[in-house]
N, C-alpha and C. Protein backbone atom coordinates (compact mmCIF):
# COMPACT_ATOMS: atom_id res chain seq x y z
N UNK A 1 106.77 46.03 -26.36
CA UNK A 1 106.37 46.88 -27.46
C UNK A 1 106.55 48.33 -27.02
N UNK A 2 107.39 49.02 -27.73
CA UNK A 2 107.60 50.44 -27.45
C UNK A 2 106.51 51.25 -28.15
N UNK A 3 105.95 52.18 -27.44
CA UNK A 3 104.86 52.99 -27.96
C UNK A 3 105.43 54.27 -28.56
N UNK A 4 105.51 54.33 -29.88
CA UNK A 4 106.02 55.51 -30.56
C UNK A 4 104.92 56.56 -30.63
N UNK A 5 105.32 57.77 -31.00
CA UNK A 5 104.34 58.85 -31.08
C UNK A 5 103.30 58.56 -32.16
N UNK A 6 103.70 57.98 -33.28
CA UNK A 6 102.74 57.65 -34.34
C UNK A 6 101.76 56.58 -33.86
N UNK A 7 102.29 55.56 -33.20
CA UNK A 7 101.42 54.50 -32.69
C UNK A 7 100.50 55.04 -31.62
N UNK A 8 101.04 55.92 -30.75
CA UNK A 8 100.20 56.49 -29.70
C UNK A 8 99.10 57.36 -30.29
N UNK A 9 99.42 58.13 -31.32
CA UNK A 9 98.41 58.98 -31.96
C UNK A 9 97.29 58.14 -32.54
N UNK A 10 97.63 57.01 -33.14
CA UNK A 10 96.58 56.15 -33.70
C UNK A 10 95.74 55.53 -32.59
N UNK A 11 96.36 55.15 -31.47
CA UNK A 11 95.61 54.60 -30.34
C UNK A 11 94.70 55.68 -29.75
N UNK A 12 95.22 56.91 -29.65
CA UNK A 12 94.42 58.01 -29.11
C UNK A 12 93.21 58.29 -30.00
N UNK A 13 93.41 58.31 -31.32
CA UNK A 13 92.29 58.53 -32.24
C UNK A 13 91.28 57.38 -32.14
N UNK A 14 91.79 56.16 -32.00
CA UNK A 14 90.91 55.01 -31.85
C UNK A 14 90.09 55.12 -30.56
N UNK A 15 90.72 55.56 -29.47
CA UNK A 15 90.00 55.75 -28.21
C UNK A 15 88.91 56.80 -28.35
N UNK A 16 89.22 57.92 -28.99
CA UNK A 16 88.21 58.95 -29.18
C UNK A 16 87.10 58.47 -30.11
N UNK A 17 87.45 57.65 -31.10
CA UNK A 17 86.43 57.06 -31.97
C UNK A 17 85.50 56.14 -31.19
N UNK A 18 86.07 55.34 -30.30
CA UNK A 18 85.27 54.45 -29.46
C UNK A 18 84.34 55.28 -28.57
N UNK A 19 84.87 56.35 -27.98
CA UNK A 19 84.03 57.21 -27.14
C UNK A 19 82.89 57.84 -27.95
N UNK A 20 83.20 58.27 -29.17
CA UNK A 20 82.17 58.85 -30.02
C UNK A 20 81.07 57.85 -30.38
N UNK A 21 81.49 56.62 -30.71
CA UNK A 21 80.49 55.59 -31.04
C UNK A 21 79.67 55.23 -29.81
N UNK A 22 80.31 55.15 -28.65
CA UNK A 22 79.58 54.85 -27.42
C UNK A 22 78.59 55.96 -27.10
N UNK A 23 79.01 57.18 -27.30
CA UNK A 23 78.10 58.31 -27.09
C UNK A 23 76.90 58.23 -28.04
N UNK A 24 77.15 57.87 -29.30
CA UNK A 24 76.06 57.72 -30.26
C UNK A 24 75.09 56.63 -29.82
N UNK A 25 75.62 55.45 -29.45
CA UNK A 25 74.74 54.35 -29.04
C UNK A 25 74.03 54.66 -27.73
N UNK A 26 74.70 55.38 -26.83
CA UNK A 26 74.07 55.74 -25.56
C UNK A 26 72.94 56.75 -25.79
N UNK A 27 73.13 57.64 -26.74
CA UNK A 27 72.14 58.68 -26.99
C UNK A 27 70.98 58.18 -27.84
N UNK A 28 71.29 57.51 -28.95
CA UNK A 28 70.27 57.18 -29.93
C UNK A 28 69.90 55.70 -29.98
N UNK A 29 70.64 54.84 -29.31
CA UNK A 29 70.39 53.40 -29.40
C UNK A 29 69.00 52.96 -29.02
N UNK A 30 68.54 53.27 -27.81
CA UNK A 30 67.20 52.81 -27.42
C UNK A 30 66.08 53.40 -28.27
N UNK A 31 66.22 54.64 -28.70
CA UNK A 31 65.13 55.25 -29.48
C UNK A 31 65.11 54.75 -30.92
N UNK A 32 66.27 54.47 -31.51
CA UNK A 32 66.33 53.99 -32.89
C UNK A 32 65.87 52.54 -33.01
N UNK A 33 66.07 51.77 -31.95
CA UNK A 33 65.75 50.36 -31.98
C UNK A 33 64.43 50.05 -31.29
N UNK A 34 63.59 51.03 -31.15
CA UNK A 34 62.32 50.85 -30.44
C UNK A 34 61.47 49.78 -31.13
N UNK A 35 60.96 48.86 -30.35
CA UNK A 35 60.08 47.78 -30.79
C UNK A 35 60.75 46.81 -31.78
N UNK A 36 62.06 46.77 -31.82
CA UNK A 36 62.79 45.80 -32.63
C UNK A 36 63.80 45.12 -31.71
N UNK A 37 63.47 43.95 -31.24
CA UNK A 37 64.29 43.27 -30.24
C UNK A 37 65.69 42.97 -30.75
N UNK A 38 65.81 42.44 -31.97
CA UNK A 38 67.13 42.07 -32.49
C UNK A 38 68.03 43.30 -32.64
N UNK A 39 67.47 44.38 -33.13
CA UNK A 39 68.25 45.61 -33.29
C UNK A 39 68.66 46.17 -31.93
N UNK A 40 67.76 46.10 -30.98
CA UNK A 40 68.06 46.58 -29.63
C UNK A 40 69.21 45.78 -29.01
N UNK A 41 69.13 44.47 -29.13
CA UNK A 41 70.18 43.61 -28.57
C UNK A 41 71.52 43.90 -29.26
N UNK A 42 71.48 44.07 -30.58
CA UNK A 42 72.70 44.36 -31.33
C UNK A 42 73.32 45.67 -30.86
N UNK A 43 72.52 46.71 -30.72
CA UNK A 43 73.03 48.01 -30.25
C UNK A 43 73.62 47.91 -28.84
N UNK A 44 72.94 47.18 -27.97
CA UNK A 44 73.42 47.06 -26.60
C UNK A 44 74.72 46.27 -26.53
N UNK A 45 74.83 45.21 -27.32
CA UNK A 45 76.08 44.43 -27.32
C UNK A 45 77.22 45.28 -27.85
N UNK A 46 76.97 46.03 -28.91
CA UNK A 46 78.01 46.91 -29.46
C UNK A 46 78.46 47.93 -28.40
N UNK A 47 77.51 48.52 -27.70
CA UNK A 47 77.86 49.51 -26.69
C UNK A 47 78.68 48.89 -25.56
N UNK A 48 78.30 47.71 -25.09
CA UNK A 48 79.06 47.04 -24.03
C UNK A 48 80.46 46.65 -24.49
N UNK A 49 80.57 46.20 -25.73
CA UNK A 49 81.89 45.85 -26.28
C UNK A 49 82.76 47.11 -26.39
N UNK A 50 82.18 48.24 -26.75
CA UNK A 50 82.95 49.48 -26.83
C UNK A 50 83.49 49.90 -25.46
N UNK A 51 82.71 49.72 -24.43
CA UNK A 51 83.18 50.05 -23.08
C UNK A 51 84.35 49.15 -22.69
N UNK A 52 84.23 47.87 -22.99
CA UNK A 52 85.31 46.93 -22.68
C UNK A 52 86.56 47.27 -23.50
N UNK A 53 86.38 47.64 -24.76
CA UNK A 53 87.52 48.01 -25.61
C UNK A 53 88.22 49.25 -25.08
N UNK A 54 87.47 50.20 -24.57
CA UNK A 54 88.08 51.41 -24.00
C UNK A 54 88.98 51.04 -22.82
N UNK A 55 88.50 50.15 -21.96
CA UNK A 55 89.32 49.70 -20.83
C UNK A 55 90.55 48.94 -21.31
N UNK A 56 90.38 48.08 -22.31
CA UNK A 56 91.51 47.31 -22.82
C UNK A 56 92.56 48.21 -23.47
N UNK A 57 92.12 49.25 -24.17
CA UNK A 57 93.09 50.19 -24.74
C UNK A 57 93.84 50.94 -23.65
N UNK A 58 93.15 51.29 -22.58
CA UNK A 58 93.85 51.92 -21.45
C UNK A 58 94.91 50.97 -20.89
N UNK A 59 94.54 49.71 -20.73
CA UNK A 59 95.48 48.72 -20.21
C UNK A 59 96.67 48.53 -21.15
N UNK A 60 96.41 48.46 -22.44
CA UNK A 60 97.48 48.33 -23.42
C UNK A 60 98.42 49.53 -23.37
N UNK A 61 97.86 50.72 -23.30
CA UNK A 61 98.67 51.93 -23.24
C UNK A 61 99.47 51.98 -21.94
N UNK A 62 98.86 51.58 -20.85
CA UNK A 62 99.57 51.56 -19.56
C UNK A 62 100.73 50.60 -19.59
N UNK A 63 100.53 49.41 -20.14
CA UNK A 63 101.57 48.39 -20.14
C UNK A 63 102.72 48.72 -21.07
N UNK A 64 102.52 49.62 -22.00
CA UNK A 64 103.59 49.95 -22.94
C UNK A 64 104.39 51.19 -22.51
N UNK A 65 104.13 51.71 -21.33
CA UNK A 65 104.88 52.87 -20.87
C UNK A 65 106.17 52.44 -20.17
N UNK A 66 107.12 53.34 -20.19
CA UNK A 66 108.38 53.09 -19.51
C UNK A 66 108.16 53.00 -17.99
N UNK A 67 107.26 53.81 -17.48
CA UNK A 67 106.98 53.83 -16.05
C UNK A 67 106.48 52.46 -15.58
N UNK A 68 105.60 51.84 -16.38
CA UNK A 68 105.09 50.52 -16.01
C UNK A 68 106.20 49.47 -16.09
N UNK A 69 107.05 49.59 -17.10
CA UNK A 69 108.09 48.59 -17.31
C UNK A 69 109.15 48.61 -16.21
N UNK A 70 109.33 49.75 -15.54
CA UNK A 70 110.27 49.77 -14.42
C UNK A 70 109.57 49.46 -13.09
N UNK A 71 108.27 49.15 -13.16
CA UNK A 71 107.55 48.72 -11.97
C UNK A 71 106.95 49.82 -11.14
N UNK A 72 106.72 50.97 -11.73
CA UNK A 72 106.19 52.11 -10.98
C UNK A 72 104.84 52.56 -11.52
N UNK A 73 103.98 51.62 -11.78
CA UNK A 73 102.68 51.96 -12.39
C UNK A 73 101.81 52.81 -11.47
N UNK A 74 102.10 52.84 -10.17
CA UNK A 74 101.29 53.66 -9.27
C UNK A 74 101.43 55.14 -9.59
N UNK A 75 102.51 55.54 -10.26
CA UNK A 75 102.67 56.94 -10.67
C UNK A 75 101.56 57.31 -11.65
N UNK A 76 101.25 56.42 -12.58
CA UNK A 76 100.19 56.68 -13.55
C UNK A 76 98.82 56.43 -12.92
N UNK A 77 98.70 55.34 -12.18
CA UNK A 77 97.38 54.95 -11.65
C UNK A 77 96.81 55.95 -10.66
N UNK A 78 97.66 56.69 -9.98
CA UNK A 78 97.11 57.68 -9.04
C UNK A 78 96.41 58.81 -9.78
N UNK A 79 96.72 59.01 -11.06
CA UNK A 79 96.03 60.02 -11.87
C UNK A 79 94.82 59.45 -12.60
N UNK A 80 94.63 58.13 -12.53
CA UNK A 80 93.57 57.48 -13.31
C UNK A 80 92.51 56.81 -12.45
N UNK A 81 92.42 57.16 -11.19
CA UNK A 81 91.44 56.53 -10.30
C UNK A 81 90.01 56.81 -10.74
N UNK A 82 89.75 58.04 -11.18
CA UNK A 82 88.40 58.39 -11.62
C UNK A 82 87.99 57.54 -12.83
N UNK A 83 88.93 57.33 -13.75
CA UNK A 83 88.62 56.52 -14.92
C UNK A 83 88.29 55.09 -14.52
N UNK A 84 89.12 54.50 -13.66
CA UNK A 84 88.89 53.11 -13.26
C UNK A 84 87.56 52.94 -12.54
N UNK A 85 87.22 53.90 -11.68
CA UNK A 85 85.93 53.83 -10.98
C UNK A 85 84.78 54.08 -11.95
N UNK A 86 84.90 55.08 -12.81
CA UNK A 86 83.79 55.41 -13.70
C UNK A 86 83.56 54.35 -14.75
N UNK A 87 84.61 53.73 -15.28
CA UNK A 87 84.40 52.69 -16.30
C UNK A 87 83.72 51.47 -15.68
N UNK A 88 84.07 51.16 -14.45
CA UNK A 88 83.44 50.02 -13.78
C UNK A 88 81.96 50.30 -13.50
N UNK A 89 81.68 51.45 -12.91
CA UNK A 89 80.30 51.79 -12.59
C UNK A 89 79.46 51.96 -13.86
N UNK A 90 80.04 52.62 -14.87
CA UNK A 90 79.31 52.85 -16.12
C UNK A 90 78.99 51.52 -16.81
N UNK A 91 79.93 50.60 -16.83
CA UNK A 91 79.68 49.31 -17.46
C UNK A 91 78.59 48.54 -16.71
N UNK A 92 78.66 48.54 -15.38
CA UNK A 92 77.65 47.82 -14.60
C UNK A 92 76.26 48.44 -14.79
N UNK A 93 76.18 49.76 -14.79
CA UNK A 93 74.89 50.42 -15.00
C UNK A 93 74.36 50.18 -16.42
N UNK A 94 75.24 50.25 -17.41
CA UNK A 94 74.82 50.03 -18.79
C UNK A 94 74.33 48.60 -18.99
N UNK A 95 75.10 47.63 -18.49
CA UNK A 95 74.69 46.24 -18.65
C UNK A 95 73.37 45.97 -17.92
N UNK A 96 73.19 46.56 -16.74
CA UNK A 96 71.93 46.40 -16.01
C UNK A 96 70.76 47.02 -16.77
N UNK A 97 70.98 48.21 -17.30
CA UNK A 97 69.93 48.87 -18.07
C UNK A 97 69.60 48.06 -19.32
N UNK A 98 70.60 47.56 -20.00
CA UNK A 98 70.37 46.78 -21.22
C UNK A 98 69.59 45.50 -20.92
N UNK A 99 69.98 44.83 -19.86
CA UNK A 99 69.28 43.60 -19.47
C UNK A 99 67.82 43.89 -19.14
N UNK A 100 67.59 44.97 -18.41
CA UNK A 100 66.23 45.31 -18.00
C UNK A 100 65.37 45.70 -19.21
N UNK A 101 65.92 46.47 -20.13
CA UNK A 101 65.17 46.87 -21.33
C UNK A 101 64.82 45.65 -22.17
N UNK A 102 65.78 44.74 -22.36
CA UNK A 102 65.51 43.53 -23.15
C UNK A 102 64.47 42.66 -22.44
N UNK A 103 64.53 42.58 -21.12
CA UNK A 103 63.54 41.77 -20.40
C UNK A 103 62.15 42.40 -20.49
N UNK A 104 62.06 43.70 -20.70
CA UNK A 104 60.77 44.37 -20.88
C UNK A 104 60.07 43.91 -22.16
N UNK A 105 60.86 43.53 -23.17
CA UNK A 105 60.27 43.06 -24.42
C UNK A 105 59.47 41.77 -24.21
N UNK A 106 59.95 40.90 -23.33
CA UNK A 106 59.23 39.64 -23.10
C UNK A 106 57.97 39.85 -22.26
N UNK A 107 57.91 40.93 -21.50
CA UNK A 107 56.73 41.18 -20.66
C UNK A 107 55.56 41.73 -21.45
N UNK A 108 55.84 42.57 -22.43
CA UNK A 108 54.79 43.18 -23.24
C UNK A 108 55.02 42.81 -24.71
N UNK A 109 54.76 41.56 -25.05
CA UNK A 109 55.11 41.03 -26.36
C UNK A 109 54.35 41.70 -27.50
N UNK A 110 53.06 41.89 -27.38
CA UNK A 110 52.28 42.40 -28.50
C UNK A 110 51.99 43.88 -28.45
N UNK A 111 52.46 44.57 -27.45
CA UNK A 111 52.12 45.98 -27.28
C UNK A 111 53.04 46.85 -28.14
N UNK A 112 52.47 47.83 -28.83
CA UNK A 112 53.27 48.72 -29.65
C UNK A 112 53.99 49.78 -28.82
N UNK A 113 53.38 50.19 -27.74
CA UNK A 113 53.97 51.23 -26.90
C UNK A 113 54.46 50.59 -25.62
N UNK A 114 55.74 50.77 -25.36
CA UNK A 114 56.32 50.23 -24.14
C UNK A 114 56.40 51.34 -23.10
N UNK A 115 55.94 51.03 -21.91
CA UNK A 115 56.07 51.97 -20.81
C UNK A 115 57.10 51.42 -19.84
N UNK A 116 58.10 52.22 -19.58
CA UNK A 116 59.14 51.80 -18.67
C UNK A 116 58.68 51.97 -17.24
N UNK A 117 59.03 51.02 -16.37
CA UNK A 117 58.74 51.20 -14.94
C UNK A 117 59.60 52.34 -14.38
N UNK A 118 59.19 52.86 -13.26
CA UNK A 118 59.90 53.97 -12.64
C UNK A 118 61.35 53.61 -12.30
N UNK A 119 61.56 52.37 -11.87
CA UNK A 119 62.93 51.93 -11.56
C UNK A 119 63.84 51.95 -12.77
N UNK A 120 63.33 51.56 -13.94
CA UNK A 120 64.11 51.58 -15.16
C UNK A 120 64.41 53.01 -15.60
N UNK A 121 63.46 53.89 -15.41
CA UNK A 121 63.70 55.30 -15.72
C UNK A 121 64.80 55.87 -14.81
N UNK A 122 64.73 55.54 -13.53
CA UNK A 122 65.76 56.00 -12.58
C UNK A 122 67.13 55.43 -12.94
N UNK A 123 67.16 54.14 -13.32
CA UNK A 123 68.42 53.51 -13.73
C UNK A 123 68.97 54.19 -14.97
N UNK A 124 68.11 54.50 -15.93
CA UNK A 124 68.56 55.15 -17.17
C UNK A 124 69.10 56.55 -16.90
N UNK A 125 68.44 57.30 -16.04
CA UNK A 125 68.91 58.65 -15.71
C UNK A 125 70.26 58.56 -14.99
N UNK A 126 70.39 57.63 -14.05
CA UNK A 126 71.66 57.45 -13.34
C UNK A 126 72.76 57.04 -14.30
N UNK A 127 72.45 56.15 -15.23
CA UNK A 127 73.44 55.70 -16.21
C UNK A 127 73.88 56.87 -17.10
N UNK A 128 72.97 57.73 -17.48
CA UNK A 128 73.32 58.88 -18.32
C UNK A 128 74.18 59.89 -17.53
N UNK A 129 73.89 60.06 -16.25
CA UNK A 129 74.69 60.98 -15.43
C UNK A 129 76.11 60.42 -15.26
N UNK A 130 76.21 59.13 -14.98
CA UNK A 130 77.52 58.51 -14.82
C UNK A 130 78.28 58.52 -16.15
N UNK A 131 77.55 58.47 -17.26
CA UNK A 131 78.22 58.49 -18.57
C UNK A 131 79.00 59.78 -18.78
N UNK A 132 78.52 60.88 -18.22
CA UNK A 132 79.25 62.15 -18.34
C UNK A 132 80.61 62.03 -17.65
N UNK A 133 80.64 61.44 -16.45
CA UNK A 133 81.90 61.23 -15.75
C UNK A 133 82.79 60.25 -16.50
N UNK A 134 82.18 59.23 -17.09
CA UNK A 134 82.95 58.25 -17.87
C UNK A 134 83.60 58.90 -19.08
N UNK A 135 82.84 59.70 -19.84
CA UNK A 135 83.40 60.35 -21.02
C UNK A 135 84.50 61.33 -20.63
N UNK A 136 84.27 62.09 -19.58
CA UNK A 136 85.28 63.04 -19.11
C UNK A 136 86.55 62.31 -18.66
N UNK A 137 86.38 61.29 -17.83
CA UNK A 137 87.55 60.60 -17.29
C UNK A 137 88.29 59.82 -18.38
N UNK A 138 87.58 59.29 -19.36
CA UNK A 138 88.25 58.58 -20.46
C UNK A 138 89.11 59.54 -21.26
N UNK A 139 88.54 60.69 -21.58
CA UNK A 139 89.31 61.69 -22.34
C UNK A 139 90.49 62.20 -21.53
N UNK A 140 90.27 62.50 -20.27
CA UNK A 140 91.36 63.02 -19.44
C UNK A 140 92.44 61.97 -19.21
N UNK A 141 92.05 60.71 -19.06
CA UNK A 141 93.04 59.65 -18.88
C UNK A 141 93.83 59.42 -20.15
N UNK A 142 93.18 59.46 -21.30
CA UNK A 142 93.89 59.31 -22.57
C UNK A 142 94.91 60.42 -22.75
N UNK A 143 94.55 61.63 -22.36
CA UNK A 143 95.49 62.74 -22.47
C UNK A 143 96.60 62.65 -21.41
N UNK A 144 96.28 62.11 -20.24
CA UNK A 144 97.31 61.89 -19.22
C UNK A 144 98.34 60.88 -19.72
N UNK A 145 97.85 59.86 -20.38
CA UNK A 145 98.76 58.85 -20.92
C UNK A 145 99.63 59.41 -22.05
N UNK A 146 99.27 60.58 -22.57
CA UNK A 146 100.04 61.22 -23.63
C UNK A 146 101.28 61.93 -23.09
N UNK A 147 101.40 62.03 -21.78
CA UNK A 147 102.55 62.70 -21.19
C UNK A 147 103.83 62.00 -21.64
N UNK A 148 104.75 62.72 -22.30
CA UNK A 148 105.96 62.07 -22.83
C UNK A 148 106.87 61.51 -21.74
N UNK A 149 106.72 61.97 -20.50
CA UNK A 149 107.55 61.42 -19.42
C UNK A 149 107.24 59.95 -19.18
N UNK A 150 106.02 59.52 -19.54
CA UNK A 150 105.65 58.13 -19.36
C UNK A 150 106.19 57.26 -20.50
N UNK A 151 106.52 57.88 -21.62
CA UNK A 151 106.88 57.12 -22.81
C UNK A 151 108.38 56.98 -23.01
N UNK A 152 109.14 57.94 -22.56
CA UNK A 152 110.57 57.93 -22.82
C UNK A 152 111.32 57.55 -21.55
N UNK A 153 112.59 57.41 -21.71
CA UNK A 153 113.43 57.01 -20.58
C UNK A 153 113.74 58.22 -19.69
N UNK A 154 112.80 58.63 -18.90
CA UNK A 154 112.98 59.72 -17.94
C UNK A 154 113.15 59.12 -16.55
N UNK A 155 114.23 58.41 -16.36
CA UNK A 155 114.43 57.72 -15.09
C UNK A 155 114.61 58.70 -13.93
N UNK A 156 115.20 59.87 -14.19
CA UNK A 156 115.35 60.87 -13.13
C UNK A 156 113.98 61.35 -12.64
N UNK A 157 113.07 61.60 -13.58
CA UNK A 157 111.73 62.05 -13.22
C UNK A 157 110.98 60.95 -12.45
N UNK A 158 111.13 59.69 -12.89
CA UNK A 158 110.48 58.56 -12.21
C UNK A 158 111.02 58.43 -10.80
N UNK A 159 112.36 58.55 -10.65
CA UNK A 159 112.96 58.47 -9.31
C UNK A 159 112.47 59.62 -8.43
N UNK A 160 112.32 60.80 -9.02
CA UNK A 160 111.81 61.95 -8.25
C UNK A 160 110.36 61.70 -7.79
N UNK A 161 109.55 61.13 -8.67
CA UNK A 161 108.16 60.81 -8.31
C UNK A 161 108.10 59.75 -7.20
N UNK A 162 108.97 58.77 -7.30
CA UNK A 162 109.00 57.73 -6.26
C UNK A 162 109.53 58.30 -4.96
N UNK A 163 110.46 59.25 -5.03
CA UNK A 163 110.99 59.90 -3.83
C UNK A 163 109.93 60.71 -3.13
N UNK A 164 109.08 61.39 -3.91
CA UNK A 164 107.98 62.16 -3.31
C UNK A 164 107.00 61.24 -2.62
N UNK A 165 106.81 60.06 -3.14
CA UNK A 165 105.86 59.11 -2.57
C UNK A 165 106.40 58.56 -1.24
N UNK A 166 107.72 58.39 -1.15
CA UNK A 166 108.31 57.82 0.06
C UNK A 166 108.38 58.84 1.21
N UNK A 167 108.36 60.13 0.90
CA UNK A 167 108.47 61.14 1.96
C UNK A 167 107.23 61.26 2.76
């Protein structure tokens, strides 16, 4: 599948839409779904699916580049290390936080006010800090993938990049 500029623009807008929705759920999800277990679980599942979709869109975009098709994906991947690390850490922290919050509902079944343990507060703060790196790296990686040298037949540029790597 060749990635045309129109198709890439739609994928880029979709990626930014996913980031915006994830930001919304990360910011307002726990507070909007307070004391409603089903709503909380729904918000958390949506947020986790959005993170996975962001990674899958990156993979789809990577696989449709000319650089990947000639077997030189390390040219792109060396610019995307922060994204790969941040999406992994962010997903693990988010899933851990979601699991812990949902498990808190079973501990205090009839209580109107939930008090989070100190460990959950620390996990939430860490997850929010890592989310900043995730949002930054997702946006920067999406824009890196917009480089037309990755999309068109720039075999001279690819050979030059591989030559720099061999030196």
